[in-house]
Amino acid sequence: MKKDKKIYWSATIIISLIMLFSIYKMYTPLYEHLGFPSYFRTELLVAKILGLTVLVVPQFSLRIKEWAYAGFGIVLISASVAHFNSGDAIANVFEPYIWLAILVISNIYLH
């Protein structure tokens, strides 16, 4: 396997695991303080599952994968804003940007 493919799949797997973990945590009391209504959490759940499917399955076109990357980018930036507005610690506010950087690496090495 080429070096570029290894970097791409490593970054994509990390993003996939982070999104799966966030899906799991979305319905725990830890997310209650963010103030998301239940229907919005369900929308995020469905969108993340669809986005993960698009990122992991190689048969999807690059155009559709780009939409998934854009969606996850918006989710990660919004997560940072939500943590900031709920008064979380500064580490929780900046953590999504670490995952955003890994998402960007995955996107760069996709091409």
C-alpha atoms as a PDB file:
ATOM      1  CA  MET A   1       0.000   0.000   0.000  1.00  0.00           C
ATOM      2  CA  LYS A   2       1.329   3.402  -0.933  1.00  0.00           C
ATOM      3  CA  LYS A   3       2.205   5.970   1.721  1.00  0.00           C
ATOM      4  CA  ASP A   4      -0.561   8.340   0.583  1.00  0.00           C
ATOM      5  CA  LYS A   5      -3.207   5.625   0.877  1.00  0.00           C
ATOM      6  CA  LYS A   6      -1.994   4.727   4.359  1.00  0.00           C
ATOM      7  CA  ILE A   7      -2.257   8.342   5.480  1.00  0.00           C
ATOM      8  CA  TYR A   8      -5.708   8.679   3.892  1.00  0.00           C
ATOM      9  CA  TRP A   9      -7.094   5.531   5.481  1.00  0.00           C
ATOM     10  CA  SER A  10      -5.519   6.281   8.871  1.00  0.00           C
ATOM     11  CA  ALA A  11      -7.068   9.758   8.961  1.00  0.00           C
ATOM     12  CA  THR A  12     -10.398   8.463   7.666  1.00  0.00           C
ATOM     13  CA  ILE A  13     -10.524   5.718  10.288  1.00  0.00           C
ATOM     14  CA  ILE A  14      -9.739   8.220  13.050  1.00  0.00           C
ATOM     15  CA  ILE A  15     -12.538  10.510  11.849  1.00  0.00           C
ATOM     16  CA  SER A  16     -14.902   7.546  11.583  1.00  0.00           C
ATOM     17  CA  LEU A  17     -14.141   6.453  15.142  1.00  0.00           C
ATOM     18  CA  ILE A  18     -14.595   9.990  16.463  1.00  0.00           C
ATOM     19  CA  MET A  19     -17.954  10.324  14.705  1.00  0.00           C
ATOM     20  CA  LEU A  20     -19.073   6.894  15.971  1.00  0.00           C
ATOM     21  CA  PHE A  21     -18.078   7.914  19.487  1.00  0.00           C
ATOM     22  CA  SER A  22     -19.990  11.184  19.154  1.00  0.00           C
ATOM     23  CA  ILE A  23     -23.055   9.261  17.942  1.00  0.00           C
ATOM     24  CA  TYR A  24     -22.820   7.105  21.047  1.00  0.00           C
ATOM     25  CA  LYS A  25     -22.370  10.077  23.397  1.00  0.00           C
ATOM     26  CA  MET A  26     -25.120  12.144  21.784  1.00  0.00           C
ATOM     27  CA  TYR A  27     -27.845  10.568  23.910  1.00  0.00           C
ATOM     28  CA  THR A  28     -25.948  10.581  27.205  1.00  0.00           C
ATOM     29  CA  PRO A  29     -26.401  13.184  29.943  1.00  0.00           C
ATOM     30  CA  LEU A  30     -23.068  14.722  28.924  1.00  0.00           C
ATOM     31  CA  TYR A  31     -24.764  16.302  25.909  1.00  0.00           C
ATOM     32  CA  GLU A  32     -27.800  17.578  27.823  1.00  0.00           C
ATOM     33  CA  HIS A  33     -26.043  20.810  28.839  1.00  0.00           C
ATOM     34  CA  LEU A  34     -25.538  21.764  25.178  1.00  0.00           C
ATOM     35  CA  GLY A  35     -29.287  22.308  24.948  1.00  0.00           C
ATOM     36  CA  PHE A  36     -29.936  20.402  21.725  1.00  0.00           C
ATOM     37  CA  PRO A  37     -33.548  19.302  21.323  1.00  0.00           C
ATOM     38  CA  SER A  38     -34.144  15.595  20.851  1.00  0.00           C
ATOM     39  CA  TYR A  39     -35.231  15.932  17.214  1.00  0.00           C
ATOM     40  CA  PHE A  40     -32.007  17.783  16.335  1.00  0.00           C
ATOM     41  CA  ARG A  41     -29.914  15.045  17.898  1.00  0.00           C
ATOM     42  CA  THR A  42     -31.787  12.524  15.773  1.00  0.00           C
ATOM     43  CA  GLU A  43     -31.085  14.574  12.644  1.00  0.00           C
ATOM     44  CA  LEU A  44     -27.386  14.690  13.535  1.00  0.00           C
ATOM     45  CA  LEU A  45     -27.412  10.959  14.154  1.00  0.00           C
ATOM     46  CA  VAL A  46     -28.854  10.194  10.717  1.00  0.00           C
ATOM     47  CA  ALA A  47     -26.549  12.687   8.976  1.00  0.00           C
ATOM     48  CA  LYS A  48     -23.452  11.284  10.679  1.00  0.00           C
ATOM     49  CA  ILE A  49     -24.377   7.705   9.777  1.00  0.00           C
ATOM     50  CA  LEU A  50     -24.941   8.692   6.139  1.00  0.00           C
ATOM     51  CA  GLY A  51     -21.693  10.687   6.067  1.00  0.00           C
ATOM     52  CA  LEU A  52     -19.707   7.834   7.575  1.00  0.00           C
ATOM     53  CA  THR A  53     -21.135   5.444   5.014  1.00  0.00           C
ATOM     54  CA  VAL A  54     -20.100   7.754   2.194  1.00  0.00           C
ATOM     55  CA  LEU A  55     -16.578   8.243   3.565  1.00  0.00           C
ATOM     56  CA  VAL A  56     -15.833   4.582   4.232  1.00  0.00           C
ATOM     57  CA  VAL A  57     -17.376   2.923   1.168  1.00  0.00           C
ATOM     58  CA  PRO A  58     -14.974   3.395  -1.768  1.00  0.00           C
ATOM     59  CA  GLN A  59     -17.687   3.079  -4.458  1.00  0.00           C
ATOM     60  CA  PHE A  60     -19.129   6.536  -3.787  1.00  0.00           C
ATOM     61  CA  SER A  61     -18.056   9.274  -6.184  1.00  0.00           C
ATOM     62  CA  LEU A  62     -15.611  11.990  -5.185  1.00  0.00           C
ATOM     63  CA  ARG A  63     -18.342  14.611  -5.488  1.00  0.00           C
ATOM     64  CA  ILE A  64     -20.510  12.866  -2.891  1.00  0.00           C
ATOM     65  CA  LYS A  65     -17.479  12.341  -0.646  1.00  0.00           C
ATOM     66  CA  GLU A  66     -16.778  16.088  -0.837  1.00  0.00           C
ATOM     67  CA  TRP A  67     -20.287  16.774   0.464  1.00  0.00           C
ATOM     68  CA  ALA A  68     -19.653  14.390   3.367  1.00  0.00           C
ATOM     69  CA  TYR A  69     -16.384  16.182   4.171  1.00  0.00           C
ATOM     70  CA  ALA A  70     -18.170  19.548   4.069  1.00  0.00           C
ATOM     71  CA  GLY A  71     -20.910  18.242   6.346  1.00  0.00           C
ATOM     72  CA  PHE A  72     -18.452  16.884   8.873  1.00  0.00           C
ATOM     73  CA  GLY A  73     -16.524  20.156   8.756  1.00  0.00           C
ATOM     74  CA  ILE A  74     -19.692  22.077   9.581  1.00  0.00           C
ATOM     75  CA  VAL A  75     -20.511  19.620  12.381  1.00  0.00           C
ATOM     76  CA  LEU A  76     -17.061  20.011  13.938  1.00  0.00           C
ATOM     77  CA  ILE A  77     -17.075  23.808  13.784  1.00  0.00           C
ATOM     78  CA  SER A  78     -20.618  23.845  15.196  1.00  0.00           C
ATOM     79  CA  ALA A  79     -19.509  21.521  18.009  1.00  0.00           C
ATOM     80  CA  SER A  80     -16.842  24.018  18.999  1.00  0.00           C
ATOM     81  CA  VAL A  81     -19.377  26.857  19.004  1.00  0.00           C
ATOM     82  CA  ALA A  82     -21.851  24.778  21.045  1.00  0.00           C
ATOM     83  CA  HIS A  83     -19.199  23.947  23.653  1.00  0.00           C
ATOM     84  CA  PHE A  84     -18.160  27.605  23.843  1.00  0.00           C
ATOM     85  CA  ASN A  85     -21.738  28.838  24.263  1.00  0.00           C
ATOM     86  CA  SER A  86     -22.519  26.269  26.948  1.00  0.00           C
ATOM     87  CA  GLY A  87     -19.583  27.441  29.057  1.00  0.00           C
ATOM     88  CA  ASP A  88     -17.436  24.316  28.682  1.00  0.00           C
ATOM     89  CA  ALA A  89     -13.728  24.297  29.408  1.00  0.00           C
ATOM     90  CA  ILE A  90     -11.481  25.785  26.748  1.00  0.00           C
ATOM     91  CA  ALA A  91     -10.064  22.328  25.996  1.00  0.00           C
ATOM     92  CA  ASN A  92     -13.562  21.160  25.000  1.00  0.00           C
ATOM     93  CA  VAL A  93     -13.975  24.229  22.806  1.00  0.00           C
ATOM     94  CA  PHE A  94     -10.777  23.594  20.830  1.00  0.00           C
ATOM     95  CA  GLU A  95     -10.925  19.776  20.688  1.00  0.00           C
ATOM     96  CA  PRO A  96     -13.170  19.693  17.580  1.00  0.00           C
ATOM     97  CA  TYR A  97     -10.511  21.672  15.693  1.00  0.00           C
ATOM     98  CA  ILE A  98      -8.036  18.832  16.216  1.00  0.00           C
ATOM     99  CA  TRP A  99     -10.510  16.468  14.548  1.00  0.00           C
ATOM    100  CA  LEU A 100     -11.122  19.086  11.858  1.00  0.00           C
ATOM    101  CA  ALA A 101      -7.399  19.093  11.061  1.00  0.00           C
ATOM    102  CA  ILE A 102      -7.460  15.296  10.721  1.00  0.00           C
ATOM    103  CA  LEU A 103     -10.543  15.601   8.502  1.00  0.00           C
ATOM    104  CA  VAL A 104      -8.645  18.047   6.281  1.00  0.00           C
ATOM    105  CA  ILE A 105      -5.716  15.606   6.070  1.00  0.00           C
ATOM    106  CA  SER A 106      -8.124  12.849   5.027  1.00  0.00           C
ATOM    107  CA  ASN A 107      -9.614  15.107   2.368  1.00  0.00           C
ATOM    108  CA  ILE A 108      -6.219  16.168   1.018  1.00  0.00           C
ATOM    109  CA  TYR A 109      -5.000  12.595   0.723  1.00  0.00           C
ATOM    110  CA  LEU A 110      -8.256  11.494  -0.899  1.00  0.00           C
ATOM    111  CA  HIS A 111      -7.119  13.432  -3.957  1.00  0.00           C
END
